[in-house]
Protein backbone atom coordinates (compact mmCIF):
# COMPACT_ATOMS: atom_id res chain seq x y z
CA UNK A 1 0.00 0.00 0.00
CA UNK A 2 1.70 3.17 -1.20
CA UNK A 3 0.85 6.86 -0.82
CA UNK A 4 -1.42 6.61 -3.87
CA UNK A 5 -3.97 4.68 -1.80
CA UNK A 6 -4.17 7.52 0.72
CA UNK A 7 -4.57 9.99 -2.15
CA UNK A 8 -7.54 8.06 -3.57
CA UNK A 9 -9.05 8.06 -0.07
CA UNK A 10 -8.50 11.78 0.47
CA UNK A 11 -9.73 12.90 -2.96
CA UNK A 12 -13.43 12.06 -2.31
CA UNK A 13 -13.18 13.64 1.15
CA UNK A 14 -11.80 16.86 -0.34
CA UNK A 15 -14.58 16.86 -2.96
CA UNK A 16 -17.19 16.50 -0.21
CA UNK A 17 -15.65 19.37 1.75
CA UNK A 18 -15.63 21.61 -1.33
CA UNK A 19 -19.26 20.71 -2.06
CA UNK A 20 -20.27 21.60 1.51
CA UNK A 21 -18.42 24.93 1.30
CA UNK A 22 -20.20 25.77 -1.96
CA UNK A 23 -23.60 24.72 -0.59
CA UNK A 24 -23.06 26.86 2.51
CA UNK A 25 -22.01 29.85 0.40
CA UNK A 26 -25.09 29.37 -1.80
CA UNK A 27 -27.34 29.06 1.27
CA UNK A 28 -26.13 32.46 2.47
C-alpha atoms as a PDB file:
ATOM      1  CA  UNK A   1       0.000   0.000   0.000  1.00  0.00           C
ATOM      2  CA  UNK A   2       1.696   3.169  -1.198  1.00  0.00           C
ATOM      3  CA  UNK A   3       0.853   6.859  -0.821  1.00  0.00           C
ATOM      4  CA  UNK A   4      -1.420   6.607  -3.870  1.00  0.00           C
ATOM      5  CA  UNK A   5      -3.973   4.681  -1.804  1.00  0.00           C
ATOM      6  CA  UNK A   6      -4.172   7.517   0.717  1.00  0.00           C
ATOM      7  CA  UNK A   7      -4.567   9.989  -2.152  1.00  0.00           C
ATOM      8  CA  UNK A   8      -7.539   8.061  -3.568  1.00  0.00           C
ATOM      9  CA  UNK A   9      -9.046   8.057  -0.068  1.00  0.00           C
ATOM     10  CA  UNK A  10      -8.502  11.781   0.467  1.00  0.00           C
ATOM     11  CA  UNK A  11      -9.732  12.901  -2.963  1.00  0.00           C
ATOM     12  CA  UNK A  12     -13.433  12.056  -2.309  1.00  0.00           C
ATOM     13  CA  UNK A  13     -13.180  13.640   1.145  1.00  0.00           C
ATOM     14  CA  UNK A  14     -11.800  16.856  -0.339  1.00  0.00           C
ATOM     15  CA  UNK A  15     -14.576  16.857  -2.961  1.00  0.00           C
ATOM     16  CA  UNK A  16     -17.189  16.501  -0.206  1.00  0.00           C
ATOM     17  CA  UNK A  17     -15.648  19.375   1.755  1.00  0.00           C
ATOM     18  CA  UNK A  18     -15.633  21.611  -1.326  1.00  0.00           C
ATOM     19  CA  UNK A  19     -19.262  20.709  -2.059  1.00  0.00           C
ATOM     20  CA  UNK A  20     -20.274  21.600   1.508  1.00  0.00           C
ATOM     21  CA  UNK A  21     -18.421  24.929   1.300  1.00  0.00           C
ATOM     22  CA  UNK A  22     -20.201  25.770  -1.963  1.00  0.00           C
ATOM     23  CA  UNK A  23     -23.601  24.717  -0.594  1.00  0.00           C
ATOM     24  CA  UNK A  24     -23.058  26.864   2.514  1.00  0.00           C
ATOM     25  CA  UNK A  25     -22.015  29.855   0.405  1.00  0.00           C
ATOM     26  CA  UNK A  26     -25.086  29.372  -1.799  1.00  0.00           C
ATOM     27  CA  UNK A  27     -27.339  29.059   1.269  1.00  0.00           C
ATOM     28  CA  UNK A  28     -26.131  32.460   2.471  1.00  0.00           C
END
